[in-house]
């Protein structure tokens, strides 16, 4: 038969593990997204974190290292630009 003290420890350990797992998944939910130029020597990147509104331009040097600088701060997309992007995505998906 299982010792009740051990059962309490197991429940406590599972609770701590589930909280830790939740914390890790929440922390790792944000990611960096980059789009590259055709030759992959320049990238434009942003974070998916809600509190990070910066857009970065990164350039690859001949020695293989990258340098980045803040290009802009993300803002809401104007309706006409959003419409143009929607049309472009639709045309691209039809072509594929």
PDB file of N, CA and C in Angstrom:
ATOM      1  N   UNK A   1       0.835  -1.185   0.000  1.00  0.00           N
ATOM      2  CA  UNK A   1       0.000   0.000   0.000  1.00  0.00           C
ATOM      3  C   UNK A   1       0.882   1.251   0.000  1.00  0.00           C
ATOM      4  N   UNK A   2       0.412   2.317  -0.626  1.00  0.00           N
ATOM      5  CA  UNK A   2       1.165   3.556  -0.734  1.00  0.00           C
ATOM      6  C   UNK A   2       1.092   4.331   0.564  1.00  0.00           C
ATOM      7  N   UNK A   3       2.230   4.831   0.989  1.00  0.00           N
ATOM      8  CA  UNK A   3       2.312   5.647   2.185  1.00  0.00           C
ATOM      9  C   UNK A   3       1.664   7.000   1.887  1.00  0.00           C
ATOM     10  N   UNK A   4       0.697   7.464   2.702  1.00  0.00           N
ATOM     11  CA  UNK A   4       0.018   8.749   2.463  1.00  0.00           C
ATOM     12  C   UNK A   4       0.987   9.924   2.387  1.00  0.00           C
ATOM     13  N   UNK A   5       2.095   9.860   3.136  1.00  0.00           N
ATOM     14  CA  UNK A   5       3.071  10.951   3.084  1.00  0.00           C
ATOM     15  C   UNK A   5       3.700  11.017   1.692  1.00  0.00           C
ATOM     16  N   UNK A   6       3.996   9.844   1.116  1.00  0.00           N
ATOM     17  CA  UNK A   6       4.584   9.813  -0.230  1.00  0.00           C
ATOM     18  C   UNK A   6       3.587  10.330  -1.266  1.00  0.00           C
ATOM     19  N   UNK A   7       2.316  10.013  -1.092  1.00  0.00           N
ATOM     20  CA  UNK A   7       1.288  10.462  -2.020  1.00  0.00           C
ATOM     21  C   UNK A   7       1.190  11.990  -1.996  1.00  0.00           C
ATOM     22  N   UNK A   8       1.268  12.588  -0.812  1.00  0.00           N
ATOM     23  CA  UNK A   8       1.239  14.045  -0.691  1.00  0.00           C
ATOM     24  C   UNK A   8       2.435  14.671  -1.390  1.00  0.00           C
ATOM     25  N   UNK A   9       3.601  14.059  -1.249  1.00  0.00           N
ATOM     26  CA  UNK A   9       4.799  14.570  -1.910  1.00  0.00           C
ATOM     27  C   UNK A   9       4.648  14.486  -3.425  1.00  0.00           C
ATOM     28  N   UNK A  10       4.085  13.388  -3.906  1.00  0.00           N
ATOM     29  CA  UNK A  10       3.900  13.210  -5.347  1.00  0.00           C
ATOM     30  C   UNK A  10       2.963  14.293  -5.882  1.00  0.00           C
ATOM     31  N   UNK A  11       1.855  14.564  -5.178  1.00  0.00           N
ATOM     32  CA  UNK A  11       0.933  15.610  -5.608  1.00  0.00           C
ATOM     33  C   UNK A  11       1.629  16.969  -5.624  1.00  0.00           C
ATOM     34  N   UNK A  12       2.395  17.248  -4.596  1.00  0.00           N
ATOM     35  CA  UNK A  12       3.122  18.513  -4.516  1.00  0.00           C
ATOM     36  C   UNK A  12       4.120  18.616  -5.667  1.00  0.00           C
ATOM     37  N   UNK A  13       4.848  17.549  -5.925  1.00  0.00           N
ATOM     38  CA  UNK A  13       5.848  17.550  -6.996  1.00  0.00           C
ATOM     39  C   UNK A  13       5.189  17.748  -8.364  1.00  0.00           C
ATOM     40  N   UNK A  14       4.031  17.114  -8.572  1.00  0.00           N
ATOM     41  CA  UNK A  14       3.314  17.289  -9.840  1.00  0.00           C
ATOM     42  C   UNK A  14       2.818  18.725  -9.995  1.00  0.00           C
ATOM     43  N   UNK A  15       2.341  19.321  -8.903  1.00  0.00           N
ATOM     44  CA  UNK A  15       1.890  20.702  -8.952  1.00  0.00           C
ATOM     45  C   UNK A  15       3.045  21.626  -9.315  1.00  0.00           C
ATOM     46  N   UNK A  16       4.174  21.463  -8.662  1.00  0.00           N
ATOM     47  CA  UNK A  16       5.345  22.302  -8.944  1.00  0.00           C
ATOM     48  C   UNK A  16       5.803  22.099 -10.385  1.00  0.00           C
ATOM     49  N   UNK A  17       5.826  20.849 -10.838  1.00  0.00           N
ATOM     50  CA  UNK A  17       6.251  20.560 -12.209  1.00  0.00           C
ATOM     51  C   UNK A  17       5.306  21.182 -13.228  1.00  0.00           C
ATOM     52  N   UNK A  18       4.002  21.136 -12.947  1.00  0.00           N
ATOM     53  CA  UNK A  18       3.049  21.714 -13.902  1.00  0.00           C
ATOM     54  C   UNK A  18       3.172  23.227 -13.941  1.00  0.00           C
ATOM     55  N   UNK A  19       3.395  23.855 -12.794  1.00  0.00           N
ATOM     56  CA  UNK A  19       3.572  25.309 -12.769  1.00  0.00           C
ATOM     57  C   UNK A  19       4.854  25.674 -13.512  1.00  0.00           C
ATOM     58  N   UNK A  20       5.930  24.930 -13.268  1.00  0.00           N
ATOM     59  CA  UNK A  20       7.192  25.196 -13.951  1.00  0.00           C
ATOM     60  C   UNK A  20       7.020  25.016 -15.452  1.00  0.00           C
ATOM     61  N   UNK A  21       6.340  23.971 -15.861  1.00  0.00           N
ATOM     62  CA  UNK A  21       6.107  23.723 -17.283  1.00  0.00           C
ATOM     63  C   UNK A  21       5.302  24.832 -17.916  1.00  0.00           C
ATOM     64  N   UNK A  22       4.306  25.333 -17.213  1.00  0.00           N
ATOM     65  CA  UNK A  22       3.491  26.427 -17.714  1.00  0.00           C
ATOM     66  C   UNK A  22       4.329  27.688 -17.857  1.00  0.00           C
ATOM     67  N   UNK A  23       5.160  27.960 -16.859  1.00  0.00           N
ATOM     68  CA  UNK A  23       6.014  29.140 -16.902  1.00  0.00           C
ATOM     69  C   UNK A  23       6.968  29.062 -18.079  1.00  0.00           C
ATOM     70  N   UNK A  24       7.559  27.910 -18.300  1.00  0.00           N
ATOM     71  CA  UNK A  24       8.501  27.750 -19.397  1.00  0.00           C
ATOM     72  C   UNK A  24       7.798  27.963 -20.733  1.00  0.00           C
ATOM     73  N   UNK A  25       6.596  27.417 -20.888  1.00  0.00           N
ATOM     74  CA  UNK A  25       5.901  27.570 -22.167  1.00  0.00           C
ATOM     75  C   UNK A  25       5.467  29.013 -22.390  1.00  0.00           C
ATOM     76  N   UNK A  26       5.093  29.723 -21.332  1.00  0.00           N
ATOM     77  CA  UNK A  26       4.697  31.121 -21.481  1.00  0.00           C
ATOM     78  C   UNK A  26       5.908  31.966 -21.850  1.00  0.00           C
ATOM     79  N   UNK A  27       7.030  31.712 -21.201  1.00  0.00           N
ATOM     80  CA  UNK A  27       8.242  32.472 -21.472  1.00  0.00           C
ATOM     81  C   UNK A  27       8.724  32.211 -22.896  1.00  0.00           C
ATOM     82  N   UNK A  28       8.627  30.977 -23.346  1.00  0.00           N
ATOM     83  CA  UNK A  28       9.151  30.644 -24.660  1.00  0.00           C
ATOM     84  C   UNK A  28       8.143  30.883 -25.779  1.00  0.00           C
ATOM     85  N   UNK A  29       6.965  31.411 -25.462  1.00  0.00           N
ATOM     86  CA  UNK A  29       5.940  31.627 -26.479  1.00  0.00           C
ATOM     87  C   UNK A  29       6.349  32.708 -27.474  1.00  0.00           C
ATOM     88  N   UNK A  30       7.046  33.738 -27.016  1.00  0.00           N
ATOM     89  CA  UNK A  30       7.499  34.785 -27.930  1.00  0.00           C
ATOM     90  C   UNK A  30       8.694  34.279 -28.718  1.00  0.00           C
ATOM     91  N   UNK A  31       8.735  34.644 -29.967  1.00  0.00           N
ATOM     92  CA  UNK A  31       9.871  34.247 -30.786  1.00  0.00           C
ATOM     93  C   UNK A  31      10.270  35.405 -31.682  1.00  0.00           C
ATOM     94  N   UNK A  32      11.446  35.308 -32.263  1.00  0.00           N
ATOM     95  CA  UNK A  32      11.912  36.307 -33.205  1.00  0.00           C
ATOM     96  C   UNK A  32      11.618  35.812 -34.609  1.00  0.00           C
ATOM     97  N   UNK A  33      11.010  36.668 -35.399  1.00  0.00           N
ATOM     98  CA  UNK A  33      10.652  36.339 -36.774  1.00  0.00           C
ATOM     99  C   UNK A  33      11.464  37.235 -37.693  1.00  0.00           C
ATOM    100  N   UNK A  34      12.098  36.630 -38.697  1.00  0.00           N
ATOM    101  CA  UNK A  34      12.913  37.403 -39.634  1.00  0.00           C
ATOM    102  C   UNK A  34      12.530  37.082 -41.071  1.00  0.00           C
ATOM    103  N   UNK A  35      12.604  38.082 -41.897  1.00  0.00           N
ATOM    104  CA  UNK A  35      12.469  37.916 -43.341  1.00  0.00           C
ATOM    105  C   UNK A  35      13.795  38.317 -43.959  1.00  0.00           C
ATOM    106  N   UNK A  36      14.249  37.539 -44.913  1.00  0.00           N
ATOM    107  CA  UNK A  36      15.558  37.765 -45.513  1.00  0.00           C
ATOM    108  C   UNK A  36      15.442  38.274 -46.938  1.00  0.00           C
ATOM    109  N   UNK A  37      16.466  39.002 -47.366  1.00  0.00           N
ATOM    110  CA  UNK A  37      16.575  39.350 -48.770  1.00  0.00           C
ATOM    111  C   UNK A  37      16.955  38.082 -49.531  1.00  0.00           C
ATOM    112  N   UNK A  38      16.861  38.136 -50.838  1.00  0.00           N
ATOM    113  CA  UNK A  38      17.104  36.951 -51.666  1.00  0.00           C
ATOM    114  C   UNK A  38      18.491  36.338 -51.426  1.00  0.00           C
ATOM    115  N   UNK A  39      19.498  37.159 -51.249  1.00  0.00           N
ATOM    116  CA  UNK A  39      20.861  36.639 -51.032  1.00  0.00           C
ATOM    117  C   UNK A  39      21.160  36.332 -49.561  1.00  0.00           C
ATOM    118  N   UNK A  40      20.177  36.508 -48.701  1.00  0.00           N
ATOM    119  CA  UNK A  40      20.256  36.218 -47.257  1.00  0.00           C
ATOM    120  C   UNK A  40      21.379  36.985 -46.545  1.00  0.00           C
ATOM    121  N   UNK A  41      21.700  38.150 -47.082  1.00  0.00           N
ATOM    122  CA  UNK A  41      22.721  38.991 -46.460  1.00  0.00           C
ATOM    123  C   UNK A  41      22.111  40.092 -45.592  1.00  0.00           C
ATOM    124  N   UNK A  42      20.807  40.284 -45.721  1.00  0.00           N
ATOM    125  CA  UNK A  42      20.085  41.281 -44.930  1.00  0.00           C
ATOM    126  C   UNK A  42      18.804  40.638 -44.414  1.00  0.00           C
ATOM    127  N   UNK A  43      18.495  40.915 -43.157  1.00  0.00           N
ATOM    128  CA  UNK A  43      17.270  40.383 -42.547  1.00  0.00           C
ATOM    129  C   UNK A  43      16.536  41.530 -41.860  1.00  0.00           C
ATOM    130  N   UNK A  44      15.224  41.427 -41.860  1.00  0.00           N
ATOM    131  CA  UNK A  44      14.375  42.356 -41.116  1.00  0.00           C
ATOM    132  C   UNK A  44      13.638  41.516 -40.085  1.00  0.00           C
ATOM    133  N   UNK A  45      13.817  41.847 -38.812  1.00  0.00           N
ATOM    134  CA  UNK A  45      13.339  40.980 -37.738  1.00  0.00           C
ATOM    135  C   UNK A  45      12.482  41.740 -36.734  1.00  0.00           C
ATOM    136  N   UNK A  46      11.591  40.974 -36.103  1.00  0.00           N
ATOM    137  CA  UNK A  46      10.787  41.515 -35.010  1.00  0.00           C
ATOM    138  C   UNK A  46      10.454  40.381 -34.059  1.00  0.00           C
ATOM    139  N   UNK A  47      10.062  40.747 -32.874  1.00  0.00           N
ATOM    140  CA  UNK A  47       9.670  39.774 -31.860  1.00  0.00           C
ATOM    141  C   UNK A  47       8.157  39.669 -31.820  1.00  0.00           C
ATOM    142  N   UNK A  48       7.664  38.485 -31.506  1.00  0.00           N
ATOM    143  CA  UNK A  48       6.218  38.310 -31.363  1.00  0.00           C
ATOM    144  C   UNK A  48       5.740  38.668 -29.957  1.00  0.00           C
ATOM    145  N   UNK A  49       6.654  39.064 -29.082  1.00  0.00           N
ATOM    146  CA  UNK A  49       6.266  39.481 -27.729  1.00  0.00           C
ATOM    147  C   UNK A  49       5.432  40.753 -27.803  1.00  0.00           C
ATOM    148  N   UNK A  50       4.342  40.786 -27.045  1.00  0.00           N
ATOM    149  CA  UNK A  50       3.427  41.928 -27.097  1.00  0.00           C
ATOM    150  C   UNK A  50       4.065  43.225 -26.629  1.00  0.00           C
ATOM    151  N   UNK A  51       5.062  43.140 -25.751  1.00  0.00           N
ATOM    152  CA  UNK A  51       5.676  44.358 -25.225  1.00  0.00           C
ATOM    153  C   UNK A  51       6.926  44.779 -25.995  1.00  0.00           C
ATOM    154  N   UNK A  52       7.238  44.104 -27.093  1.00  0.00           N
ATOM    155  CA  UNK A  52       8.397  44.450 -27.913  1.00  0.00           C
ATOM    156  C   UNK A  52       7.899  44.899 -29.278  1.00  0.00           C
ATOM    157  N   UNK A  53       7.935  46.196 -29.536  1.00  0.00           N
ATOM    158  CA  UNK A  53       7.389  46.755 -30.770  1.00  0.00           C
ATOM    159  C   UNK A  53       8.458  47.191 -31.764  1.00  0.00           C
ATOM    160  N   UNK A  54       9.690  46.738 -31.587  1.00  0.00           N
ATOM    161  CA  UNK A  54      10.768  47.186 -32.449  1.00  0.00           C
ATOM    162  C   UNK A  54      10.951  46.277 -33.659  1.00  0.00           C
ATOM    163  N   UNK A  55      11.345  46.896 -34.777  1.00  0.00           N
ATOM    164  CA  UNK A  55      11.710  46.179 -35.996  1.00  0.00           C
ATOM    165  C   UNK A  55      13.189  46.459 -36.233  1.00  0.00           C
ATOM    166  N   UNK A  56      13.943  45.405 -36.554  1.00  0.00           N
ATOM    167  CA  UNK A  56      15.387  45.518 -36.691  1.00  0.00           C
ATOM    168  C   UNK A  56      15.841  45.164 -38.099  1.00  0.00           C
ATOM    169  N   UNK A  57      16.865  45.838 -38.580  1.00  0.00           N
ATOM    170  CA  UNK A  57      17.532  45.471 -39.822  1.00  0.00           C
ATOM    171  C   UNK A  57      18.885  44.893 -39.422  1.00  0.00           C
ATOM    172  N   UNK A  58      19.186  43.723 -39.945  1.00  0.00           N
ATOM    173  CA  UNK A  58      20.453  43.067 -39.640  1.00  0.00           C
ATOM    174  C   UNK A  58      21.188  42.781 -40.941  1.00  0.00           C
ATOM    175  N   UNK A  59      22.478  43.074 -40.962  1.00  0.00           N
ATOM    176  CA  UNK A  59      23.309  42.865 -42.139  1.00  0.00           C
ATOM    177  C   UNK A  59      24.419  41.878 -41.811  1.00  0.00           C
ATOM    178  N   UNK A  60      24.630  40.930 -42.730  1.00  0.00           N
ATOM    179  CA  UNK A  60      25.677  39.923 -42.560  1.00  0.00           C
ATOM    180  C   UNK A  60      26.965  40.438 -43.192  1.00  0.00           C
ATOM    181  N   UNK A  61      28.044  40.346 -42.430  1.00  0.00           N
ATOM    182  CA  UNK A  61      29.343  40.823 -42.898  1.00  0.00           C
ATOM    183  C   UNK A  61      30.116  39.690 -43.565  1.00  0.00           C
ATOM    184  N   UNK A  62      31.172  40.054 -44.253  1.00  0.00           N
ATOM    185  CA  UNK A  62      31.996  39.074 -44.972  1.00  0.00           C
ATOM    186  C   UNK A  62      32.573  38.006 -44.042  1.00  0.00           C
ATOM    187  N   UNK A  63      32.806  38.365 -42.777  1.00  0.00           N
ATOM    188  CA  UNK A  63      33.366  37.381 -41.831  1.00  0.00           C
ATOM    189  C   UNK A  63      32.300  36.484 -41.204  1.00  0.00           C
ATOM    190  N   UNK A  64      31.030  36.649 -41.641  1.00  0.00           N
ATOM    191  CA  UNK A  64      29.948  35.791 -41.158  1.00  0.00           C
ATOM    192  C   UNK A  64      29.203  36.318 -39.944  1.00  0.00           C
ATOM    193  N   UNK A  65      29.673  37.413 -39.369  1.00  0.00           N
ATOM    194  CA  UNK A  65      28.979  37.989 -38.214  1.00  0.00           C
ATOM    195  C   UNK A  65      27.861  38.902 -38.698  1.00  0.00           C
ATOM    196  N   UNK A  66      26.917  39.171 -37.804  1.00  0.00           N
ATOM    197  CA  UNK A  66      25.775  40.034 -38.113  1.00  0.00           C
ATOM    198  C   UNK A  66      25.842  41.281 -37.243  1.00  0.00           C
ATOM    199  N   UNK A  67      25.376  42.386 -37.786  1.00  0.00           N
ATOM    200  CA  UNK A  67      25.157  43.580 -36.971  1.00  0.00           C
ATOM    201  C   UNK A  67      23.732  44.048 -37.244  1.00  0.00           C
ATOM    202  N   UNK A  68      23.079  44.515 -36.199  1.00  0.00           N
ATOM    203  CA  UNK A  68      21.669  44.904 -36.305  1.00  0.00           C
ATOM    204  C   UNK A  68      21.468  46.300 -35.746  1.00  0.00           C
ATOM    205  N   UNK A  69      20.502  46.994 -36.299  1.00  0.00           N
ATOM    206  CA  UNK A  69      20.112  48.280 -35.728  1.00  0.00           C
ATOM    207  C   UNK A  69      18.601  48.430 -35.821  1.00  0.00           C
ATOM    208  N   UNK A  70      18.089  49.180 -34.872  1.00  0.00           N
ATOM    209  CA  UNK A  70      16.643  49.388 -34.802  1.00  0.00           C
ATOM    210  C   UNK A  70      16.206  50.222 -35.998  1.00  0.00           C
ATOM    211  N   UNK A  71      15.272  49.688 -36.724  1.00  0.00           N
ATOM    212  CA  UNK A  71      14.785  50.343 -37.928  1.00  0.00           C
ATOM    213  C   UNK A  71      13.555  51.194 -37.637  1.00  0.00           C
ATOM    214  N   UNK A  72      12.626  50.630 -36.867  1.00  0.00           N
ATOM    215  CA  UNK A  72      11.364  51.325 -36.616  1.00  0.00           C
ATOM    216  C   UNK A  72      10.666  50.687 -35.425  1.00  0.00           C
ATOM    217  N   UNK A  73       9.586  51.276 -35.043  1.00  0.00           N
ATOM    218  CA  UNK A  73       8.715  50.707 -34.025  1.00  0.00           C
ATOM    219  C   UNK A  73       7.433  50.280 -34.721  1.00  0.00           C
ATOM    220  N   UNK A  74       6.994  49.041 -34.446  1.00  0.00           N
ATOM    221  CA  UNK A  74       5.777  48.534 -35.077  1.00  0.00           C
ATOM    222  C   UNK A  74       4.589  49.392 -34.673  1.00  0.00           C
ATOM    223  N   UNK A  75       3.735  49.626 -35.619  1.00  0.00           N
ATOM    224  CA  UNK A  75       2.486  50.360 -35.378  1.00  0.00           C
ATOM    225  C   UNK A  75       1.364  49.558 -36.022  1.00  0.00           C
ATOM    226  N   UNK A  76       0.150  49.934 -35.747  1.00  0.00           N
ATOM    227  CA  UNK A  76      -0.979  49.266 -36.393  1.00  0.00           C
ATOM    228  C   UNK A  76      -0.884  49.451 -37.899  1.00  0.00           C
ATOM    229  N   UNK A  77      -1.219  48.403 -38.630  1.00  0.00           N
ATOM    230  CA  UNK A  77      -1.170  48.448 -40.089  1.00  0.00           C
ATOM    231  C   UNK A  77      -2.355  49.251 -40.619  1.00  0.00           C
ATOM    232  N   UNK A  78      -2.086  50.260 -41.451  1.00  0.00           N
ATOM    233  CA  UNK A  78      -3.193  51.036 -42.028  1.00  0.00           C
ATOM    234  C   UNK A  78      -4.087  50.129 -42.877  1.00  0.00           C
ATOM    235  N   UNK A  79      -5.377  50.419 -42.937  1.00  0.00           N
ATOM    236  CA  UNK A  79      -6.317  49.563 -43.673  1.00  0.00           C
ATOM    237  C   UNK A  79      -5.933  49.329 -45.140  1.00  0.00           C
ATOM    238  N   UNK A  80      -5.460  50.366 -45.830  1.00  0.00           N
ATOM    239  CA  UNK A  80      -5.114  50.191 -47.244  1.00  0.00           C
ATOM    240  C   UNK A  80      -3.904  49.279 -47.428  1.00  0.00           C
ATOM    241  N   UNK A  81      -2.942  49.357 -46.523  1.00  0.00           N
ATOM    242  CA  UNK A  81      -1.785  48.459 -46.588  1.00  0.00           C
ATOM    243  C   UNK A  81      -2.202  47.029 -46.234  1.00  0.00           C
ATOM    244  N   UNK A  82      -3.054  46.890 -45.232  1.00  0.00           N
ATOM    245  CA  UNK A  82      -3.562  45.575 -44.849  1.00  0.00           C
ATOM    246  C   UNK A  82      -4.307  44.931 -46.020  1.00  0.00           C
ATOM    247  N   UNK A  83      -5.100  45.728 -46.745  1.00  0.00           N
ATOM    248  CA  UNK A  83      -5.837  45.233 -47.906  1.00  0.00           C
ATOM    249  C   UNK A  83      -4.874  44.785 -49.018  1.00  0.00           C
ATOM    250  N   UNK A  84      -3.834  45.563 -49.267  1.00  0.00           N
ATOM    251  CA  UNK A  84      -2.848  45.205 -50.294  1.00  0.00           C
ATOM    252  C   UNK A  84      -2.128  43.908 -49.933  1.00  0.00           C
ATOM    253  N   UNK A  85      -1.794  43.737 -48.658  1.00  0.00           N
ATOM    254  CA  UNK A  85      -1.135  42.501 -48.214  1.00  0.00           C
ATOM    255  C   UNK A  85      -2.066  41.299 -48.353  1.00  0.00           C
ATOM    256  N   UNK A  86      -3.329  41.484 -48.030  1.00  0.00           N
ATOM    257  CA  UNK A  86      -4.313  40.406 -48.164  1.00  0.00           C
ATOM    258  C   UNK A  86      -4.418  39.965 -49.619  1.00  0.00           C
ATOM    259  N   UNK A  87      -4.485  40.942 -50.537  1.00  0.00           N
ATOM    260  CA  UNK A  87      -4.560  40.623 -51.963  1.00  0.00           C
ATOM    261  C   UNK A  87      -3.290  39.917 -52.447  1.00  0.00           C
ATOM    262  N   UNK A  88      -2.141  40.371 -51.989  1.00  0.00           N
ATOM    263  CA  UNK A  88      -0.869  39.758 -52.388  1.00  0.00           C
ATOM    264  C   UNK A  88      -0.774  38.326 -51.884  1.00  0.00           C
ATOM    265  N   UNK A  89      -1.203  38.088 -50.640  1.00  0.00           N
ATOM    266  CA  UNK A  89      -1.179  36.727 -50.092  1.00  0.00           C
ATOM    267  C   UNK A  89      -2.119  35.813 -50.885  1.00  0.00           C
ATOM    268  N   UNK A  90      -3.283  36.328 -51.242  1.00  0.00           N
ATOM    269  CA  UNK A  90      -4.247  35.532 -52.003  1.00  0.00           C
ATOM    270  C   UNK A  90      -3.687  35.170 -53.371  1.00  0.00           C
ATOM    271  N   UNK A  91      -3.050  36.131 -54.017  1.00  0.00           N
ATOM    272  CA  UNK A  91      -2.455  35.875 -55.334  1.00  0.00           C
ATOM    273  C   UNK A  91      -1.315  34.872 -55.240  1.00  0.00           C
ATOM    274  N   UNK A  92      -0.527  34.963 -54.182  1.00  0.00           N
ATOM    275  CA  UNK A  92       0.586  34.035 -53.978  1.00  0.00           C
ATOM    276  C   UNK A  92       0.069  32.624 -53.718  1.00  0.00           C
ATOM    277  N   UNK A  93      -0.969  32.497 -52.913  1.00  0.00           N
ATOM    278  CA  UNK A  93      -1.499  31.155 -52.602  1.00  0.00           C
ATOM    279  C   UNK A  93      -2.132  30.512 -53.832  1.00  0.00           C
ATOM    280  N   UNK A  94      -2.714  31.303 -54.735  1.00  0.00           N
ATOM    281  CA  UNK A  94      -3.275  30.770 -55.967  1.00  0.00           C
ATOM    282  C   UNK A  94      -2.179  30.304 -56.920  1.00  0.00           C
ATOM    283  N   UNK A  95      -1.039  31.000 -56.894  1.00  0.00           N
ATOM    284  CA  UNK A  95       0.068  30.663 -57.779  1.00  0.00           C
ATOM    285  C   UNK A  95       0.769  29.374 -57.334  1.00  0.00           C
ATOM    286  N   UNK A  96       0.672  29.058 -56.043  1.00  0.00           N
ATOM    287  CA  UNK A  96       1.352  27.855 -55.517  1.00  0.00           C
ATOM    288  C   UNK A  96       0.406  26.739 -55.606  1.00  0.00           C
TER     289      UNK A  96
END
